Amino acid sequence: MTENNAATPHHQTDVLIIGSGAAGLAMALRLPEHLDVLVISKGKLVGGSTPWAQGGIAAALNGNEDIEQHIEDTIRAGVRLPDRDVVEHVVRAGPAQIEWLESLGMPFTHDNEHGERLHLTREGGHSQRRVAHAADHTGRSLTDTLVTAVKARPNVRVLEHHNAIDLITARRLGETRDACLGAYVLDIQADRVVTIRSRYTTLATGGAAKAYLFTTNPDSATGDGIAMGWRAGCRVANMEFIQFHPTCLYEPRAKSFLISEAVRGEGGVLLRPDGTRFMPDHHPDAELAPRDIVARAIDAEIKRLGIDCVYLDISFKGREFIESHFPMIHQRCLEFGYDMTREPLPVVPAAHYTCGGVMTDLHGQTDIPGLFAIGETAHTGLHGANRLASNSLLECLVFGEAAARRIAEAPGEPAEADLAIPAWDESQVTDPDEAVVVTHNWDELRRSMWSYVGIVRTTKRLSRARARISLLRREIHDYYAHFRVSNNLIELRNLVEVADLIVRSALNRHESRGLHYSRDFPDTNPRADHFDTVLIPPPARPYPQVRQDRSRTAPPPEE
């Protein structure tokens, strides 16, 4: 249902899904057809970060022994921090998710020798081959499959070029009992704010790797769902665990093009500029060690030798093998003058995946009734201190289904359904006077995070980052309180919030574990195996955008 009002456009729906990646689209397809579902996407409906996923979907398809090994591999990669109950739940659901995708027409690669069987590859941290894939473009194929299915569902509507600004909650409207009532959303093309009222709302906006200067993620990965959930009153956890993918093509024109983990899984080796291997010096599993170890090893070699990059070589496998296994990667590298069938590829680590996020239960339910979080936005307990390769798409599918099932089984209208939602008010703000403030702060924030909150950390570096981020946060909130919102301003406001959460979480963990490595605390604390760094949000504040005295709203105090 849509109500049209020239001043304040208003939509009403049963389920609002913020984000159009694998998690959000999978959830939309799993919801009953009698529910009206509205999906909003920042850009065109192309799947968020999902199309960038080259590797595959981890699924134990070879029986109980494979399932048990997948569980142990996940916990080992997460350095004993994952929640075993959650891991078992996700891993055991894997085969059914693959079957569901096949029923939708997902074009998985099949074994040439056994045409009916899926071809499984092996990636770092896995004890055996269990990664189902569509050549080296699994994410793109998955996106195409889900988008096609969503477009065929009459109960699912999509609003493209819409970016959520903030969640609407009962508590932020002055009620004592809390519930999520929907969201204020910017229609980017029309340059106006839309109010969307929903019975249930889901954050499926992906991660926050764009907080770093170098990242494998698309420009849209600005931590929107995590920041919105935090501002609304949700706890977040384990934000210090930012995964850096070890092998990003070292080529400025490529905008951090990822070289899939599967290249190493199929035999690729990492080399110094003199052609010698170095991973055997760092870990017994060499190139197949978990991502955090490989990324730190590359970072150490780059700093020790004073070089710009290291090299990934699989040319010895031959042209036919490479072109059949990695057609997209091969073609993309050729565009930049690198022929991986004949020479090694220059690679460096880059920010890749956010292992922490908004805390949820096994159904994706957050602390706020009516609000769910799934995919990379959520902290479910699956990943711990490091994500096992190709578990991310599996998590999206499993929790997309779980959240849909919980909503389908829920009773009727929540008690807060009749609460009046104030219209968005821009009467006391103006157009931005200097947009350069946004671009300058965006650049400074990402450079500070890369320099001080990267692969190897120290307390001094983190403290410097916290101080600078606090200043940037005040500047950005002040700018937000005085000027009309824009897409860039929304993203910057979310990024600085998430950057602050990452730094605060890192300062709270006095050990090295997985993706968080501190020179001041180099050992892993054996007594902290199940210790999550949970941050409790301050009481939810009123919406400065909605209040009549918005232009006089002071920046929020530091927590």
Protein backbone atom coordinates (compact mmCIF):
# COMPACT_ATOMS: atom_id res chain seq x y z
CA MET A 1 0.00 0.00 0.00
CA THR A 2 1.33 3.48 -0.87
CA GLU A 3 -0.07 6.83 0.18
CA ASN A 4 0.97 9.80 -1.93
CA ASN A 5 1.44 13.19 -0.35
CA ALA A 6 3.39 15.93 -2.12
CA ALA A 7 5.07 17.05 1.08
CA THR A 8 5.80 13.78 2.83
CA PRO A 9 5.55 10.63 0.68
CA HIS A 10 4.50 7.67 2.78
CA HIS A 11 4.65 3.91 2.19
CA GLN A 12 3.13 1.18 4.32
CA THR A 13 4.13 -2.47 4.20
CA ASP A 14 4.18 -5.67 6.23
CA VAL A 15 7.94 -6.22 5.94
CA LEU A 16 10.57 -3.62 5.09
CA ILE A 17 13.95 -5.05 4.05
CA ILE A 18 16.74 -2.46 3.99
CA GLY A 19 19.35 -3.81 1.61
CA SER A 20 19.27 -5.84 -1.59
CA GLY A 21 22.17 -8.28 -1.22
CA ALA A 22 21.98 -12.03 -0.82
CA ALA A 23 20.58 -11.85 2.73
CA GLY A 24 17.82 -9.37 1.95
CA LEU A 25 16.73 -11.00 -1.30
CA ALA A 26 16.82 -14.51 0.18
CA MET A 27 14.62 -13.34 3.03
CA ALA A 28 12.16 -11.68 0.63
CA LEU A 29 11.82 -14.94 -1.30
CA ARG A 30 11.29 -16.98 1.87
CA LEU A 31 8.47 -14.81 3.22
CA PRO A 32 4.89 -16.00 2.66
CA GLU A 33 3.23 -14.58 -0.43
CA HIS A 34 0.33 -13.10 1.55
CA LEU A 35 2.71 -10.58 3.14
CA ASP A 36 3.49 -7.31 1.39
CA VAL A 37 7.30 -7.00 1.20
CA LEU A 38 9.21 -3.82 0.35
CA VAL A 39 12.94 -3.98 -0.44
CA ILE A 40 14.95 -0.79 -0.68
CA SER A 41 18.25 -0.62 -2.54
CA LYS A 42 20.80 2.21 -2.55
CA GLY A 43 21.31 1.82 -6.27
CA LYS A 44 19.89 -0.49 -8.89
CA LEU A 45 18.83 -3.95 -7.80
CA VAL A 46 22.22 -5.57 -8.33
CA GLY A 47 22.87 -7.28 -5.01
CA GLY A 48 24.99 -5.01 -2.80
CA SER A 49 28.36 -6.65 -2.08
CA THR A 50 27.15 -10.10 -3.17
CA PRO A 51 28.21 -9.79 -6.85
CA TRP A 52 31.76 -9.13 -5.69
CA ALA A 53 31.97 -12.57 -4.04
CA GLN A 54 34.10 -14.74 -6.33
CA GLY A 55 34.73 -17.85 -4.26
CA GLY A 56 31.54 -19.70 -3.40
CA ILE A 57 29.20 -21.02 -0.73
CA ALA A 58 30.63 -23.34 1.92
CA ALA A 59 28.36 -26.35 2.41
CA ALA A 60 29.15 -29.80 3.82
CA LEU A 61 27.62 -31.98 1.11
CA ASN A 62 29.50 -35.19 1.88
CA GLY A 63 27.68 -36.50 4.93
CA ASN A 64 28.00 -36.30 8.71
CA GLU A 65 31.78 -36.47 8.84
CA ASP A 66 32.02 -33.49 6.48
CA ILE A 67 29.48 -31.61 8.62
CA GLU A 68 31.49 -32.22 11.79
CA GLN A 69 34.70 -31.13 10.09
CA HIS A 70 33.02 -27.98 8.74
CA ILE A 71 31.91 -27.14 12.27
CA GLU A 72 35.43 -27.63 13.63
CA ASP A 73 37.00 -25.68 10.76
CA THR A 74 34.68 -22.74 11.47
CA ILE A 75 35.46 -22.70 15.18
CA ARG A 76 39.19 -23.09 14.54
CA ALA A 77 39.22 -20.23 12.03
CA GLY A 78 37.29 -18.07 14.51
CA VAL A 79 39.95 -18.83 17.17
CA ARG A 80 37.48 -20.60 19.47
CA LEU A 81 35.26 -17.53 19.70
CA PRO A 82 32.31 -18.73 17.55
CA ASP A 83 29.18 -19.94 19.34
CA ARG A 84 29.12 -23.71 18.74
CA ASP A 85 25.32 -23.88 18.78
CA VAL A 86 25.12 -21.22 16.08
CA VAL A 87 27.86 -22.87 14.03
CA GLU A 88 26.11 -26.24 14.14
CA HIS A 89 22.80 -24.64 13.19
CA VAL A 90 24.29 -22.87 10.15
CA VAL A 91 26.49 -25.72 8.94
CA ARG A 92 23.73 -28.35 9.17
CA ALA A 93 21.45 -26.07 7.14
CA GLY A 94 24.02 -25.78 4.35
CA PRO A 95 22.97 -28.68 2.09
CA ALA A 96 19.33 -27.58 2.11
CA GLN A 97 20.34 -24.05 1.07
CA ILE A 98 22.27 -25.42 -1.92
CA GLU A 99 19.24 -27.50 -2.92
CA TRP A 100 17.02 -24.41 -2.66
CA LEU A 101 19.34 -22.39 -4.89
CA GLU A 102 19.43 -25.21 -7.43
CA SER A 103 15.62 -25.17 -7.45
CA LEU A 104 15.80 -21.47 -8.38
CA GLY A 105 18.15 -22.26 -11.27
CA MET A 106 21.50 -21.27 -9.72
CA PRO A 107 24.15 -22.25 -12.33
CA PHE A 108 26.63 -24.08 -10.09
CA THR A 109 29.74 -25.55 -11.69
CA HIS A 110 29.58 -29.34 -11.95
CA ASP A 111 32.32 -31.93 -11.80
CA ASN A 112 33.41 -32.83 -15.35
CA GLU A 113 33.96 -36.45 -14.40
CA HIS A 114 30.67 -36.76 -12.53
CA GLY A 115 28.28 -34.46 -14.36
CA GLU A 116 25.50 -34.67 -11.78
CA ARG A 117 27.75 -33.75 -8.86
CA LEU A 118 28.70 -30.20 -7.98
CA HIS A 119 32.34 -29.30 -8.34
CA LEU A 120 33.66 -28.37 -4.91
CA THR A 121 36.75 -26.27 -4.40
CA ARG A 122 38.85 -25.77 -1.29
CA GLU A 123 39.70 -22.46 0.34
CA GLY A 124 41.88 -21.31 3.21
CA GLY A 125 40.95 -22.76 6.61
CA HIS A 126 38.90 -25.63 5.17
CA SER A 127 40.15 -29.16 5.85
CA GLN A 128 38.72 -30.42 2.56
CA ARG A 129 36.87 -29.37 -0.59
CA ARG A 130 33.37 -28.16 0.29
CA VAL A 131 32.87 -24.84 -1.48
CA ALA A 132 30.13 -24.95 -4.12
CA HIS A 133 30.65 -22.31 -6.78
CA ALA A 134 29.72 -20.98 -10.20
CA ALA A 135 33.18 -20.80 -11.79
CA ASP A 136 34.81 -17.70 -10.24
CA HIS A 137 31.72 -15.50 -10.33
CA THR A 138 29.50 -17.13 -7.70
CA GLY A 139 28.34 -13.82 -6.27
CA ARG A 140 27.24 -12.47 -9.63
CA SER A 141 25.44 -15.71 -10.52
CA LEU A 142 23.77 -15.82 -7.10
CA THR A 143 22.63 -12.22 -7.48
CA ASP A 144 21.20 -12.86 -10.93
CA THR A 145 19.37 -15.93 -9.64
CA LEU A 146 17.83 -14.15 -6.65
CA VAL A 147 16.96 -10.97 -8.56
CA THR A 148 15.18 -12.98 -11.25
CA ALA A 149 13.17 -14.83 -8.61
CA VAL A 150 12.31 -11.63 -6.71
CA LYS A 151 11.06 -9.91 -9.86
CA ALA A 152 8.67 -12.84 -10.39
CA ARG A 153 7.13 -12.46 -6.92
CA PRO A 154 4.03 -10.21 -7.04
CA ASN A 155 4.13 -9.51 -3.30
CA VAL A 156 7.69 -8.11 -3.38
CA ARG A 157 8.22 -4.48 -4.38
CA VAL A 158 11.61 -2.87 -4.82
CA LEU A 159 12.50 0.80 -4.40
CA GLU A 160 15.79 1.44 -6.16
CA HIS A 161 18.00 4.45 -5.41
CA HIS A 162 16.66 4.73 -1.85
CA ASN A 163 18.95 5.01 1.19
CA ALA A 164 17.67 4.59 4.75
CA ILE A 165 18.49 7.48 7.08
CA ASP A 166 17.27 6.17 10.44
CA LEU A 167 14.96 3.59 11.95
CA ILE A 168 11.68 4.76 13.43
CA THR A 169 11.22 3.32 16.91
CA ALA A 170 8.60 3.77 19.60
CA ARG A 171 11.17 4.72 22.22
CA ARG A 172 12.62 7.48 20.06
CA LEU A 173 9.07 8.79 19.73
CA GLY A 174 8.79 9.03 23.52
CA GLU A 175 7.13 5.70 24.36
CA THR A 176 8.32 3.55 27.26
CA ARG A 177 7.86 0.27 25.36
CA ASP A 178 10.04 -0.11 22.33
CA ALA A 179 9.31 -1.44 18.86
CA CYS A 180 10.55 -0.73 15.36
CA LEU A 181 7.92 1.00 13.24
CA GLY A 182 9.79 1.47 9.97
CA ALA A 183 12.34 3.96 8.65
CA TYR A 184 12.92 7.40 7.22
CA VAL A 185 14.42 6.91 3.77
CA LEU A 186 16.01 9.27 1.24
CA ASP A 187 14.71 8.95 -2.32
CA ILE A 188 18.07 9.77 -3.90
CA GLN A 189 16.83 10.61 -7.39
CA ALA A 190 13.87 12.72 -6.26
CA ASP A 191 15.96 14.26 -3.46
CA ARG A 192 13.22 13.92 -0.87
CA VAL A 193 12.68 11.95 2.33
CA VAL A 194 10.10 9.17 2.37
CA THR A 195 8.46 7.71 5.50
CA ILE A 196 8.04 3.94 5.38
CA ARG A 197 5.88 2.31 8.03
CA SER A 198 6.24 -1.43 8.49
CA ARG A 199 5.18 -4.16 10.89
CA TYR A 200 8.65 -5.71 10.66
CA THR A 201 11.93 -4.20 9.54
CA THR A 202 15.15 -5.97 8.58
CA LEU A 203 18.66 -4.53 8.37
CA ALA A 204 20.48 -6.28 5.53
CA THR A 205 22.83 -3.54 4.41
CA GLY A 206 26.12 -5.45 4.44
CA GLY A 207 29.36 -4.52 6.17
CA ALA A 208 31.52 -1.48 6.84
CA ALA A 209 34.82 -2.10 5.03
CA LYS A 210 34.49 1.26 3.26
CA ALA A 211 35.68 2.75 6.56
CA TYR A 212 39.16 1.84 5.29
CA LEU A 213 41.12 3.50 2.51
CA PHE A 214 41.76 0.22 0.68
CA THR A 215 38.93 -2.28 0.47
CA THR A 216 37.57 -5.04 -1.73
CA ASN A 217 34.03 -3.80 -1.12
CA PRO A 218 31.84 -1.60 -3.34
CA ASP A 219 31.31 2.04 -2.43
CA SER A 220 27.97 1.19 -0.80
CA ALA A 221 29.57 -0.80 2.08
CA THR A 222 29.33 2.04 4.59
CA GLY A 223 28.03 0.24 7.68
CA ASP A 224 24.54 1.74 7.38
CA GLY A 225 22.63 -1.03 9.13
CA ILE A 226 25.11 -1.28 12.01
CA ALA A 227 25.03 2.48 12.59
CA MET A 228 21.23 2.69 12.35
CA GLY A 229 20.79 -0.26 14.70
CA TRP A 230 23.21 1.30 17.19
CA ARG A 231 21.49 4.69 17.12
CA ALA A 232 18.12 2.99 17.62
CA GLY A 233 19.34 1.17 20.76
CA CYS A 234 20.71 -2.21 19.61
CA ARG A 235 23.83 -3.71 21.10
CA VAL A 236 26.73 -4.37 18.76
CA ALA A 237 29.54 -6.87 19.30
CA ASN A 238 33.01 -7.82 18.04
CA MET A 239 33.48 -4.79 15.80
CA GLU A 240 37.27 -5.05 16.22
CA PHE A 241 37.30 -8.09 13.95
CA ILE A 242 37.62 -6.58 10.48
CA GLN A 243 38.83 -9.17 8.01
CA PHE A 244 41.47 -8.08 5.52
CA HIS A 245 41.43 -10.20 2.38
CA PRO A 246 45.03 -11.24 1.72
CA THR A 247 45.04 -10.97 -2.06
CA CYS A 248 43.74 -7.83 -3.70
CA LEU A 249 45.18 -6.91 -7.11
CA TYR A 250 47.77 -4.18 -6.61
CA GLU A 251 46.56 -1.93 -9.40
CA PRO A 252 45.05 1.55 -8.78
CA ARG A 253 42.88 1.37 -11.91
CA ALA A 254 41.24 -1.83 -10.64
CA LYS A 255 39.76 -0.18 -7.50
CA SER A 256 40.94 -3.04 -5.27
CA PHE A 257 39.91 -5.97 -7.44
CA LEU A 258 39.78 -9.18 -5.40
CA ILE A 259 41.78 -12.25 -6.40
CA SER A 260 39.69 -15.12 -5.07
CA GLU A 261 40.79 -17.36 -2.24
CA ALA A 262 40.09 -20.22 -4.63
CA VAL A 263 43.24 -19.34 -6.59
CA ARG A 264 45.28 -20.40 -3.57
CA GLY A 265 42.87 -23.27 -2.96
CA GLU A 266 43.72 -24.62 -6.41
CA GLY A 267 47.46 -24.42 -5.81
CA GLY A 268 48.45 -20.76 -6.17
CA VAL A 269 51.52 -19.71 -4.16
CA LEU A 270 52.60 -16.39 -2.67
CA LEU A 271 56.04 -15.10 -3.63
CA ARG A 272 58.48 -12.39 -2.67
CA PRO A 273 59.79 -10.20 -5.51
CA ASP A 274 62.78 -12.55 -5.83
CA GLY A 275 60.43 -15.46 -6.56
CA THR A 276 60.81 -17.28 -3.22
CA ARG A 277 57.79 -18.52 -1.21
CA PHE A 278 57.27 -17.12 2.27
CA MET A 279 54.03 -18.62 3.65
CA PRO A 280 55.72 -21.87 4.81
CA ASP A 281 57.79 -19.63 7.11
CA HIS A 282 54.65 -18.25 8.74
CA HIS A 283 52.26 -21.21 9.09
CA PRO A 284 52.27 -24.98 8.51
CA ASP A 285 49.25 -24.67 6.20
CA ALA A 286 51.17 -22.13 4.10
CA GLU A 287 48.88 -20.47 1.51
CA LEU A 288 45.86 -22.38 2.87
CA ALA A 289 46.13 -20.89 6.36
CA PRO A 290 43.14 -18.79 7.56
CA ARG A 291 42.83 -15.33 6.06
CA ASP A 292 43.99 -13.41 9.12
CA ILE A 293 47.27 -15.32 9.18
CA VAL A 294 47.90 -14.93 5.45
CA ALA A 295 47.08 -11.20 5.55
CA ARG A 296 49.43 -10.62 8.51
CA ALA A 297 52.18 -12.61 6.80
CA ILE A 298 51.90 -10.50 3.64
CA ASP A 299 51.81 -7.31 5.72
CA ALA A 300 54.95 -8.45 7.59
CA GLU A 301 56.83 -9.24 4.37
CA ILE A 302 55.87 -5.90 2.81
CA LYS A 303 57.07 -3.98 5.86
CA ARG A 304 60.19 -6.09 6.40
CA LEU A 305 61.38 -5.77 2.80
CA GLY A 306 60.08 -2.25 2.18
CA ILE A 307 58.14 -3.38 -0.92
CA ASP A 308 54.78 -2.32 -2.32
CA CYS A 309 53.29 -5.77 -2.81
CA VAL A 310 53.91 -9.51 -3.02
CA TYR A 311 52.99 -11.85 -5.87
CA LEU A 312 50.45 -14.63 -6.34
CA ASP A 313 51.44 -17.25 -8.90
CA ILE A 314 49.31 -19.99 -10.44
CA SER A 315 50.73 -19.76 -13.95
CA PHE A 316 52.35 -23.21 -13.59
CA LYS A 317 48.86 -24.78 -13.76
CA GLY A 318 48.62 -23.89 -17.43
CA ARG A 319 46.34 -21.78 -19.59
CA GLU A 320 43.56 -24.34 -20.03
CA PHE A 321 43.20 -24.93 -16.28
CA ILE A 322 43.23 -21.22 -15.43
CA GLU A 323 40.79 -20.18 -18.15
CA SER A 324 38.32 -22.89 -17.14
CA HIS A 325 38.55 -22.32 -13.38
CA PHE A 326 39.01 -18.54 -13.23
CA PRO A 327 37.59 -17.04 -16.43
CA MET A 328 36.38 -13.79 -14.89
CA ILE A 329 39.54 -13.14 -12.86
CA HIS A 330 41.72 -13.96 -15.87
CA GLN A 331 39.79 -11.62 -18.17
CA ARG A 332 39.71 -8.80 -15.63
CA CYS A 333 43.45 -9.01 -15.02
CA LEU A 334 44.10 -8.96 -18.77
CA GLU A 335 42.27 -5.63 -18.91
CA PHE A 336 44.97 -4.20 -16.66
CA GLY A 337 47.86 -5.84 -18.49
CA TYR A 338 48.40 -8.92 -16.30
CA ASP A 339 48.24 -12.42 -17.79
CA MET A 340 47.92 -14.87 -14.90
CA THR A 341 48.51 -17.79 -17.27
CA ARG A 342 52.07 -16.54 -17.83
CA GLU A 343 53.10 -14.45 -14.81
CA PRO A 344 52.46 -13.85 -11.09
CA LEU A 345 49.91 -11.21 -10.05
CA PRO A 346 50.90 -8.32 -7.72
CA VAL A 347 48.70 -8.46 -4.59
CA VAL A 348 48.20 -6.68 -1.26
CA PRO A 349 45.71 -7.11 1.63
CA ALA A 350 42.59 -4.91 1.76
CA ALA A 351 39.67 -4.51 4.18
CA HIS A 352 37.12 -7.13 3.20
CA TYR A 353 34.57 -8.29 5.79
CA THR A 354 32.98 -7.10 9.04
CA CYS A 355 32.78 -10.07 11.44
CA GLY A 356 30.94 -8.16 14.16
CA GLY A 357 27.71 -6.22 13.97
CA VAL A 358 24.24 -5.85 15.45
CA MET A 359 23.60 -8.63 17.95
CA THR A 360 20.85 -11.11 17.06
CA ASP A 361 19.48 -14.48 18.09
CA LEU A 362 19.17 -17.58 15.90
CA HIS A 363 16.20 -15.99 14.12
CA GLY A 364 17.94 -12.70 13.31
CA GLN A 365 15.91 -10.87 15.99
CA THR A 366 17.66 -7.85 17.52
CA ASP A 367 17.16 -6.19 20.92
CA ILE A 368 14.25 -4.15 19.51
CA PRO A 369 10.90 -5.92 18.88
CA GLY A 370 10.04 -5.98 15.21
CA LEU A 371 13.63 -5.35 14.09
CA PHE A 372 15.81 -8.02 12.49
CA ALA A 373 19.40 -7.97 11.23
CA ILE A 374 20.87 -10.52 8.82
CA GLY A 375 23.96 -11.04 6.71
CA GLU A 376 27.13 -9.04 7.26
CA THR A 377 25.22 -6.41 9.25
CA ALA A 378 24.57 -8.91 12.04
CA HIS A 379 26.64 -10.49 14.78
CA THR A 380 25.14 -13.97 15.03
CA GLY A 381 28.00 -15.77 16.77
CA LEU A 382 29.02 -17.68 13.63
CA HIS A 383 32.33 -16.05 12.77
CA GLY A 384 34.04 -15.26 16.07
CA ALA A 385 37.45 -13.65 15.62
CA ASN A 386 37.74 -14.50 11.93
CA ARG A 387 35.37 -15.65 9.19
CA LEU A 388 36.05 -18.99 7.53
CA ALA A 389 36.18 -18.52 3.76
CA SER A 390 32.80 -18.77 1.95
CA ASN A 391 30.78 -19.01 5.17
CA SER A 392 29.40 -15.51 4.52
CA LEU A 393 26.97 -16.35 1.72
CA LEU A 394 25.88 -19.42 3.66
CA GLU A 395 25.08 -17.23 6.67
CA CYS A 396 23.06 -14.86 4.47
CA LEU A 397 20.90 -17.70 3.18
CA VAL A 398 20.40 -19.46 6.52
CA PHE A 399 19.46 -16.35 8.49
CA GLY A 400 17.39 -14.92 5.65
CA GLU A 401 15.24 -18.04 5.90
CA ALA A 402 15.25 -18.02 9.72
CA ALA A 403 14.06 -14.39 9.95
CA ALA A 404 11.38 -15.02 7.34
CA ARG A 405 10.12 -18.04 9.25
CA ARG A 406 9.97 -16.10 12.54
CA ILE A 407 7.92 -13.33 10.91
CA ALA A 408 5.61 -15.86 9.24
CA GLU A 409 4.93 -17.48 12.62
CA ALA A 410 4.44 -14.19 14.49
CA PRO A 411 1.03 -13.09 15.77
CA GLY A 412 -0.91 -10.16 14.32
CA GLU A 413 -0.32 -6.43 14.63
CA PRO A 414 2.08 -5.29 17.39
CA ALA A 415 0.69 -3.10 20.16
CA GLU A 416 2.56 -0.05 18.82
CA ALA A 417 0.96 -0.29 15.35
CA ASP A 418 -1.31 2.72 15.94
CA LEU A 419 1.44 5.13 17.08
CA ALA A 420 1.55 8.32 15.05
CA ILE A 421 4.80 8.83 13.16
CA PRO A 422 5.88 12.47 12.79
CA ALA A 423 6.64 13.67 9.30
CA TRP A 424 10.20 14.49 8.29
CA ASP A 425 10.72 18.22 8.78
CA GLU A 426 13.31 20.25 6.84
CA SER A 427 11.84 23.65 7.61
CA GLN A 428 14.77 24.78 9.74
CA VAL A 429 17.70 23.40 7.80
CA THR A 430 19.31 24.70 4.64
CA ASP A 431 21.14 23.39 1.62
CA PRO A 432 24.81 22.61 2.31
CA ASP A 433 27.06 25.64 1.92
CA GLU A 434 30.29 23.69 1.30
CA ALA A 435 30.03 20.06 0.19
CA VAL A 436 33.82 19.82 0.39
CA VAL A 437 33.41 19.31 4.14
CA VAL A 438 31.82 15.91 3.43
CA THR A 439 34.47 14.76 0.95
CA HIS A 440 37.35 16.00 3.14
CA ASN A 441 36.05 14.26 6.26
CA TRP A 442 35.35 11.07 4.28
CA ASP A 443 38.97 10.98 3.09
CA GLU A 444 40.48 11.81 6.47
CA LEU A 445 38.36 9.21 8.26
CA ARG A 446 39.36 6.39 5.90
CA ARG A 447 43.04 7.32 5.97
CA SER A 448 43.04 7.43 9.77
CA MET A 449 41.42 4.00 9.96
CA TRP A 450 43.92 2.53 7.48
CA SER A 451 46.94 4.02 9.27
CA TYR A 452 45.95 3.36 12.89
CA VAL A 453 43.35 0.57 12.95
CA GLY A 454 44.71 -1.83 10.33
CA ILE A 455 46.10 -5.36 10.26
CA VAL A 456 48.59 -4.77 13.12
CA ARG A 457 47.54 -2.46 15.96
CA THR A 458 48.95 -0.78 19.05
CA THR A 459 47.21 0.99 21.90
CA LYS A 460 48.90 4.26 20.93
CA ARG A 461 47.69 3.99 17.34
CA LEU A 462 44.14 3.15 18.48
CA SER A 463 44.11 6.08 20.91
CA ARG A 464 45.20 8.43 18.14
CA ALA A 465 42.45 7.09 15.93
CA ARG A 466 39.85 7.52 18.70
CA ALA A 467 40.85 11.13 19.26
CA ARG A 468 40.70 12.04 15.59
CA ILE A 469 37.46 10.14 15.00
CA SER A 470 35.85 11.94 17.96
CA LEU A 471 36.62 15.30 16.34
CA LEU A 472 35.36 14.13 12.96
CA ARG A 473 32.24 12.71 14.57
CA ARG A 474 31.39 16.06 16.15
CA GLU A 475 31.99 17.92 12.89
CA ILE A 476 29.83 15.48 10.95
CA HIS A 477 26.97 15.51 13.48
CA ASP A 478 27.04 19.30 13.53
CA TYR A 479 26.90 19.37 9.72
CA TYR A 480 24.07 16.83 9.76
CA ALA A 481 22.09 18.95 12.24
CA HIS A 482 22.22 22.07 10.08
CA PHE A 483 21.92 20.93 6.47
CA ARG A 484 19.57 18.86 4.36
CA VAL A 485 20.54 15.24 4.06
CA SER A 486 22.21 13.84 0.97
CA ASN A 487 23.32 10.33 0.11
CA ASN A 488 26.98 11.18 0.77
CA LEU A 489 26.17 12.78 4.12
CA ILE A 490 24.08 9.77 5.22
CA GLU A 491 26.94 7.40 4.39
CA LEU A 492 29.57 9.58 6.06
CA ARG A 493 27.46 9.87 9.23
CA ASN A 494 27.17 6.09 9.34
CA LEU A 495 30.84 5.48 8.58
CA VAL A 496 32.12 7.71 11.37
CA GLU A 497 29.74 5.98 13.81
CA VAL A 498 30.98 2.55 12.78
CA ALA A 499 34.63 3.64 12.81
CA ASP A 500 34.17 4.77 16.40
CA LEU A 501 32.64 1.39 17.30
CA ILE A 502 35.57 -0.46 15.68
CA VAL A 503 38.15 1.55 17.62
CA ARG A 504 36.32 1.31 20.94
CA SER A 505 35.96 -2.45 20.53
CA ALA A 506 39.65 -2.82 19.66
CA LEU A 507 40.68 -0.82 22.74
CA ASN A 508 38.53 -3.11 24.91
CA ARG A 509 40.20 -6.36 23.77
CA HIS A 510 43.46 -6.80 25.68
CA GLU A 511 44.73 -9.79 23.73
CA SER A 512 45.50 -10.81 20.17
CA ARG A 513 42.94 -13.11 18.60
CA GLY A 514 42.18 -13.74 14.97
CA LEU A 515 41.73 -10.51 13.06
CA HIS A 516 42.64 -8.34 16.04
CA TYR A 517 46.41 -8.34 16.48
CA SER A 518 47.92 -5.97 19.04
CA ARG A 519 51.65 -5.55 19.61
CA ASP A 520 50.87 -4.46 23.17
CA PHE A 521 48.92 -7.66 23.87
CA PRO A 522 50.48 -10.25 21.52
CA ASP A 523 49.21 -13.36 23.35
CA THR A 524 45.77 -14.95 23.19
CA ASN A 525 44.01 -15.10 26.54
CA PRO A 526 42.94 -18.74 27.11
CA ARG A 527 40.31 -17.61 29.60
CA ALA A 528 38.58 -15.36 27.04
CA ASP A 529 37.52 -18.01 24.54
CA HIS A 530 33.88 -16.95 24.70
CA PHE A 531 34.41 -13.25 25.40
CA ASP A 532 32.58 -10.99 22.97
CA THR A 533 33.27 -7.26 23.07
CA VAL A 534 29.70 -6.07 23.48
CA LEU A 535 29.02 -2.34 23.33
CA ILE A 536 25.83 -1.07 24.99
CA PRO A 537 24.29 1.96 23.24
CA PRO A 538 23.27 5.07 25.17
CA PRO A 539 19.55 5.77 25.54
CA ALA A 540 18.01 6.37 22.13
CA ARG A 541 17.77 10.09 21.40
CA PRO A 542 14.91 11.88 19.63
CA TYR A 543 15.30 12.43 15.90
CA PRO A 544 17.07 15.73 15.29
CA GLN A 545 15.75 15.62 11.72
CA VAL A 546 12.13 15.61 12.88
CA ARG A 547 12.28 18.13 15.72
CA GLN A 548 11.25 21.70 14.97
CA ASP A 549 14.41 23.03 16.65
CA ARG A 550 16.66 20.79 14.59
CA SER A 551 18.99 23.59 13.54
CA ARG A 552 19.83 24.17 17.20
CA THR A 553 20.47 20.51 18.02
CA ALA A 554 23.90 20.05 19.56
CA PRO A 555 26.14 17.18 18.47
CA PRO A 556 25.67 14.09 20.66
CA PRO A 557 28.05 13.86 23.61
CA GLU A 558 30.81 11.27 23.58
CA GLU A 559 29.82 8.03 25.29
